[in-house]
């Protein structure tokens, strides 16, 4: 699903005008981006947290030449899914009763 499809689904679900929903989605993206750039976390309860994560300097290999290359330290955007969202996606289910799956002879 891309941004346009998301906006259209929200319009169908809420009956708000397309232009209003598009503005709200754009504002959410802009505000979340600004907050993460500033080093703040954006937490949506039940969904997850957007944050900035530091990556240390490391040594990598050039896949064509095999030479060692230094990759500088940098910050990257990150997202950590909240438990309700994670559970919904993974559809955690209890195992059927009867043990851990090992067979007894």
N, C-alpha and C. Protein backbone atom coordinates (compact mmCIF):
# COMPACT_ATOMS: atom_id res chain seq x y z
N UNK A 1 0.86 -1.17 0.00
CA UNK A 1 0.00 0.00 0.00
C UNK A 1 0.90 1.23 0.00
N UNK A 2 0.61 2.16 -0.86
CA UNK A 2 1.35 3.42 -0.88
C UNK A 2 0.53 4.50 -0.16
N UNK A 3 1.08 5.73 -0.11
CA UNK A 3 0.42 6.80 0.62
C UNK A 3 -0.96 7.12 0.05
N UNK A 4 -1.07 7.16 -1.25
CA UNK A 4 -2.36 7.48 -1.87
C UNK A 4 -3.42 6.42 -1.51
N UNK A 5 -3.04 5.16 -1.56
CA UNK A 5 -3.97 4.09 -1.20
C UNK A 5 -4.37 4.19 0.27
N UNK A 6 -3.41 4.54 1.13
CA UNK A 6 -3.72 4.72 2.54
C UNK A 6 -4.74 5.84 2.72
N UNK A 7 -4.50 6.96 2.07
CA UNK A 7 -5.43 8.10 2.16
C UNK A 7 -6.82 7.68 1.69
N UNK A 8 -6.90 6.98 0.57
CA UNK A 8 -8.19 6.55 0.04
C UNK A 8 -8.91 5.60 1.00
N UNK A 9 -8.18 4.71 1.63
CA UNK A 9 -8.80 3.79 2.60
C UNK A 9 -9.33 4.55 3.81
N UNK A 10 -8.59 5.54 4.27
CA UNK A 10 -9.04 6.34 5.41
C UNK A 10 -10.29 7.13 5.02
N UNK A 11 -10.31 7.67 3.81
CA UNK A 11 -11.49 8.38 3.32
C UNK A 11 -12.70 7.45 3.32
N UNK A 12 -12.54 6.24 2.81
CA UNK A 12 -13.63 5.26 2.78
C UNK A 12 -14.11 4.91 4.19
N UNK A 13 -13.17 4.81 5.11
CA UNK A 13 -13.48 4.40 6.48
C UNK A 13 -14.14 5.52 7.29
N UNK A 14 -13.76 6.77 7.02
CA UNK A 14 -14.21 7.89 7.86
C UNK A 14 -15.19 8.84 7.19
N UNK A 15 -15.27 8.82 5.89
CA UNK A 15 -16.09 9.76 5.12
C UNK A 15 -15.62 11.21 5.22
N UNK A 16 -14.35 11.43 5.64
CA UNK A 16 -13.77 12.78 5.58
C UNK A 16 -13.36 13.05 4.14
N UNK A 17 -13.31 14.30 3.74
CA UNK A 17 -12.90 14.63 2.37
C UNK A 17 -11.45 14.21 2.09
N UNK A 18 -11.19 13.81 0.87
CA UNK A 18 -9.87 13.35 0.46
C UNK A 18 -8.80 14.39 0.76
N UNK A 19 -9.08 15.65 0.49
CA UNK A 19 -8.08 16.70 0.71
C UNK A 19 -7.72 16.84 2.18
N UNK A 20 -8.70 16.70 3.05
CA UNK A 20 -8.45 16.81 4.49
C UNK A 20 -7.59 15.64 4.97
N UNK A 21 -7.95 14.44 4.56
CA UNK A 21 -7.19 13.26 4.97
C UNK A 21 -5.76 13.34 4.44
N UNK A 22 -5.59 13.74 3.19
CA UNK A 22 -4.25 13.87 2.60
C UNK A 22 -3.41 14.88 3.39
N UNK A 23 -4.01 16.00 3.78
CA UNK A 23 -3.29 17.00 4.57
C UNK A 23 -2.89 16.46 5.93
N UNK A 24 -3.77 15.70 6.56
CA UNK A 24 -3.46 15.12 7.88
C UNK A 24 -2.33 14.11 7.76
N UNK A 25 -2.38 13.24 6.76
CA UNK A 25 -1.31 12.25 6.57
C UNK A 25 0.02 12.96 6.30
N UNK A 26 0.00 13.96 5.43
CA UNK A 26 1.22 14.73 5.15
C UNK A 26 1.76 15.41 6.41
N UNK A 27 0.86 15.98 7.21
CA UNK A 27 1.28 16.64 8.45
C UNK A 27 1.87 15.63 9.43
N UNK A 28 1.28 14.45 9.51
CA UNK A 28 1.82 13.40 10.38
C UNK A 28 3.23 13.04 9.96
N UNK A 29 3.44 12.84 8.66
CA UNK A 29 4.77 12.48 8.17
C UNK A 29 5.77 13.59 8.45
N UNK A 30 5.40 14.84 8.19
CA UNK A 30 6.30 15.97 8.43
C UNK A 30 6.66 16.12 9.91
N UNK A 31 5.66 16.04 10.78
CA UNK A 31 5.91 16.20 12.22
C UNK A 31 6.72 15.04 12.78
N UNK A 32 6.45 13.83 12.33
CA UNK A 32 7.22 12.67 12.78
C UNK A 32 8.67 12.79 12.32
N UNK A 33 8.88 13.18 11.08
CA UNK A 33 10.23 13.36 10.54
C UNK A 33 10.99 14.43 11.33
N UNK A 34 10.35 15.56 11.57
CA UNK A 34 10.99 16.65 12.32
C UNK A 34 11.36 16.21 13.74
N UNK A 35 10.46 15.50 14.39
CA UNK A 35 10.73 15.05 15.75
C UNK A 35 11.89 14.07 15.80
N UNK A 36 11.93 13.13 14.88
CA UNK A 36 13.01 12.13 14.85
C UNK A 36 14.34 12.80 14.53
N UNK A 37 14.34 13.75 13.59
CA UNK A 37 15.57 14.50 13.28
C UNK A 37 16.08 15.20 14.53
N UNK A 38 15.17 15.75 15.33
CA UNK A 38 15.55 16.46 16.56
C UNK A 38 15.98 15.52 17.68
N UNK A 39 15.84 14.22 17.47
CA UNK A 39 16.24 13.25 18.49
C UNK A 39 15.12 12.82 19.40
N UNK A 40 13.90 13.26 19.12
CA UNK A 40 12.75 12.86 19.92
C UNK A 40 12.18 11.54 19.42
N UNK A 41 11.47 10.86 20.30
CA UNK A 41 10.75 9.65 19.92
C UNK A 41 9.29 10.02 19.68
N UNK A 42 8.68 9.37 18.72
CA UNK A 42 7.25 9.55 18.46
C UNK A 42 6.60 8.20 18.74
N UNK A 43 5.80 8.14 19.80
CA UNK A 43 5.18 6.90 20.22
C UNK A 43 3.68 6.95 19.99
N UNK A 44 3.17 5.97 19.29
CA UNK A 44 1.74 5.81 19.07
C UNK A 44 1.33 4.54 19.82
N UNK A 45 0.65 4.72 20.95
CA UNK A 45 0.30 3.58 21.79
C UNK A 45 -0.42 2.51 20.99
N UNK A 46 0.03 1.29 21.15
CA UNK A 46 -0.57 0.16 20.47
C UNK A 46 -0.04 -0.06 19.06
N UNK A 47 0.71 0.91 18.53
CA UNK A 47 1.24 0.79 17.17
C UNK A 47 2.76 0.66 17.19
N UNK A 48 3.44 1.66 17.74
CA UNK A 48 4.90 1.58 17.78
C UNK A 48 5.55 2.92 18.01
N UNK A 49 6.89 2.92 17.93
CA UNK A 49 7.68 4.10 18.20
C UNK A 49 8.65 4.35 17.06
N UNK A 50 8.67 5.59 16.58
CA UNK A 50 9.64 6.04 15.59
C UNK A 50 10.75 6.75 16.36
N UNK A 51 12.02 6.48 16.04
CA UNK A 51 13.12 7.13 16.75
C UNK A 51 14.37 7.14 15.89
N UNK A 52 15.37 7.88 16.35
CA UNK A 52 16.67 7.96 15.68
C UNK A 52 17.63 7.03 16.38
N UNK A 53 18.38 6.24 15.61
CA UNK A 53 19.30 5.28 16.19
C UNK A 53 20.70 5.55 15.65
N UNK A 54 21.69 5.54 16.53
CA UNK A 54 23.07 5.77 16.13
C UNK A 54 23.69 4.47 15.62
N UNK A 55 24.41 4.59 14.52
CA UNK A 55 25.19 3.46 14.00
C UNK A 55 26.66 3.82 14.15
N UNK A 56 27.41 2.94 14.76
CA UNK A 56 28.83 3.19 14.98
C UNK A 56 29.61 3.05 13.67
N UNK A 57 30.80 3.65 13.65
CA UNK A 57 31.68 3.46 12.50
C UNK A 57 32.05 1.99 12.41
N UNK A 58 32.17 1.48 11.19
CA UNK A 58 32.49 0.07 11.02
C UNK A 58 33.33 -0.11 9.76
N UNK A 59 33.90 -1.29 9.65
CA UNK A 59 34.66 -1.64 8.46
C UNK A 59 33.84 -2.62 7.65
N UNK A 60 33.72 -2.34 6.35
CA UNK A 60 32.98 -3.22 5.45
C UNK A 60 33.93 -3.62 4.32
N UNK A 61 33.44 -4.44 3.41
CA UNK A 61 34.23 -4.86 2.26
C UNK A 61 33.57 -4.42 0.97
N UNK A 62 34.37 -3.91 0.06
CA UNK A 62 33.90 -3.60 -1.28
C UNK A 62 33.67 -4.94 -1.98
N UNK A 63 32.43 -5.20 -2.42
CA UNK A 63 32.12 -6.53 -2.96
C UNK A 63 32.79 -6.79 -4.31
N UNK A 64 33.21 -5.73 -5.02
CA UNK A 64 33.85 -5.93 -6.32
C UNK A 64 35.35 -6.14 -6.19
N UNK A 65 35.98 -5.43 -5.24
CA UNK A 65 37.44 -5.51 -5.13
C UNK A 65 37.90 -6.30 -3.91
N UNK A 66 37.04 -6.44 -2.91
CA UNK A 66 37.42 -7.13 -1.68
C UNK A 66 38.18 -6.23 -0.71
N UNK A 67 38.41 -4.97 -1.09
CA UNK A 67 39.14 -4.04 -0.22
C UNK A 67 38.29 -3.66 0.99
N UNK A 68 38.98 -3.42 2.12
CA UNK A 68 38.29 -2.93 3.32
C UNK A 68 37.93 -1.46 3.12
N UNK A 69 36.73 -1.11 3.53
CA UNK A 69 36.23 0.26 3.41
C UNK A 69 35.68 0.68 4.76
N UNK A 70 36.02 1.90 5.19
CA UNK A 70 35.49 2.42 6.45
C UNK A 70 34.15 3.09 6.18
N UNK A 71 33.14 2.67 6.90
CA UNK A 71 31.81 3.28 6.80
C UNK A 71 31.66 4.16 8.03
N UNK A 72 31.44 5.46 7.80
CA UNK A 72 31.41 6.42 8.90
C UNK A 72 30.19 6.20 9.81
N UNK A 73 30.30 6.67 11.02
CA UNK A 73 29.19 6.63 11.96
C UNK A 73 28.08 7.53 11.46
N UNK A 74 26.84 7.14 11.70
CA UNK A 74 25.71 7.97 11.27
C UNK A 74 24.47 7.58 12.05
N UNK A 75 23.47 8.44 11.93
CA UNK A 75 22.17 8.17 12.54
C UNK A 75 21.24 7.65 11.47
N UNK A 76 20.37 6.70 11.86
CA UNK A 76 19.39 6.15 10.94
C UNK A 76 18.01 6.20 11.58
N UNK A 77 16.96 6.31 10.78
CA UNK A 77 15.61 6.25 11.35
C UNK A 77 15.29 4.80 11.71
N UNK A 78 14.54 4.63 12.78
CA UNK A 78 14.18 3.28 13.22
C UNK A 78 12.73 3.27 13.69
N UNK A 79 12.15 2.09 13.70
CA UNK A 79 10.78 1.91 14.16
C UNK A 79 10.73 0.63 14.98
N UNK A 80 10.11 0.71 16.14
CA UNK A 80 9.91 -0.46 16.98
C UNK A 80 8.42 -0.66 17.13
N UNK A 81 7.94 -1.81 16.67
CA UNK A 81 6.51 -2.10 16.73
C UNK A 81 6.06 -2.31 18.17
N UNK A 82 4.87 -1.80 18.49
CA UNK A 82 4.27 -2.02 19.79
C UNK A 82 3.70 -3.42 19.87
N UNK A 83 3.51 -3.91 21.06
CA UNK A 83 3.06 -5.29 21.25
C UNK A 83 1.74 -5.61 20.54
N UNK A 84 0.70 -4.77 20.65
CA UNK A 84 -0.55 -5.11 19.95
C UNK A 84 -0.36 -5.22 18.43
N UNK A 85 0.42 -4.32 17.86
CA UNK A 85 0.68 -4.35 16.41
C UNK A 85 1.50 -5.58 16.05
N UNK A 86 2.55 -5.83 16.82
CA UNK A 86 3.41 -7.00 16.58
C UNK A 86 2.61 -8.29 16.69
N UNK A 87 1.77 -8.38 17.71
CA UNK A 87 0.96 -9.59 17.89
C UNK A 87 -0.04 -9.77 16.74
N UNK A 88 -0.63 -8.68 16.28
CA UNK A 88 -1.59 -8.77 15.18
C UNK A 88 -0.91 -9.25 13.90
N UNK A 89 0.31 -8.78 13.67
CA UNK A 89 1.04 -9.16 12.46
C UNK A 89 1.52 -10.61 12.53
N UNK A 90 2.04 -11.01 13.67
CA UNK A 90 2.58 -12.36 13.79
C UNK A 90 1.51 -13.39 14.11
N UNK A 91 0.33 -12.89 14.51
CA UNK A 91 -0.79 -13.78 14.85
C UNK A 91 -0.34 -14.90 15.78
N UNK A 92 0.17 -14.48 16.90
CA UNK A 92 0.65 -15.46 17.88
C UNK A 92 -0.48 -16.35 18.34
N UNK A 93 -0.22 -17.61 18.34
CA UNK A 93 -1.22 -18.59 18.78
C UNK A 93 -0.58 -19.52 19.78
N UNK A 94 -1.38 -19.98 20.68
CA UNK A 94 -0.88 -20.96 21.63
C UNK A 94 -0.73 -22.29 20.91
N UNK A 95 0.29 -23.04 21.31
CA UNK A 95 0.47 -24.37 20.75
C UNK A 95 -0.60 -25.30 21.29
N UNK A 96 -0.99 -26.28 20.51
CA UNK A 96 -1.97 -27.23 21.03
C UNK A 96 -1.41 -27.93 22.26
N UNK A 97 -2.27 -28.26 23.20
CA UNK A 97 -1.79 -28.93 24.41
C UNK A 97 -1.22 -30.29 24.04
N UNK A 98 -0.31 -30.73 24.87
CA UNK A 98 0.33 -32.02 24.59
C UNK A 98 1.83 -31.93 24.65
N UNK A 99 2.34 -30.82 25.15
CA UNK A 99 3.76 -30.74 25.36
C UNK A 99 4.47 -29.85 24.37
N UNK A 100 5.78 -30.03 24.34
CA UNK A 100 6.63 -29.15 23.54
C UNK A 100 6.85 -29.65 22.13
N UNK A 101 6.21 -30.74 21.77
CA UNK A 101 6.37 -31.24 20.42
C UNK A 101 7.29 -32.43 20.32
N UNK A 102 7.99 -32.77 21.42
CA UNK A 102 8.86 -33.94 21.36
C UNK A 102 8.02 -35.19 21.55
N UNK A 103 8.43 -36.22 20.86
CA UNK A 103 7.67 -37.48 20.91
C UNK A 103 8.22 -38.40 21.97
N UNK A 104 7.33 -39.10 22.61
CA UNK A 104 7.74 -40.11 23.59
C UNK A 104 7.52 -41.46 22.96
N UNK A 105 8.50 -42.34 23.09
CA UNK A 105 8.36 -43.68 22.50
C UNK A 105 7.80 -44.66 23.46
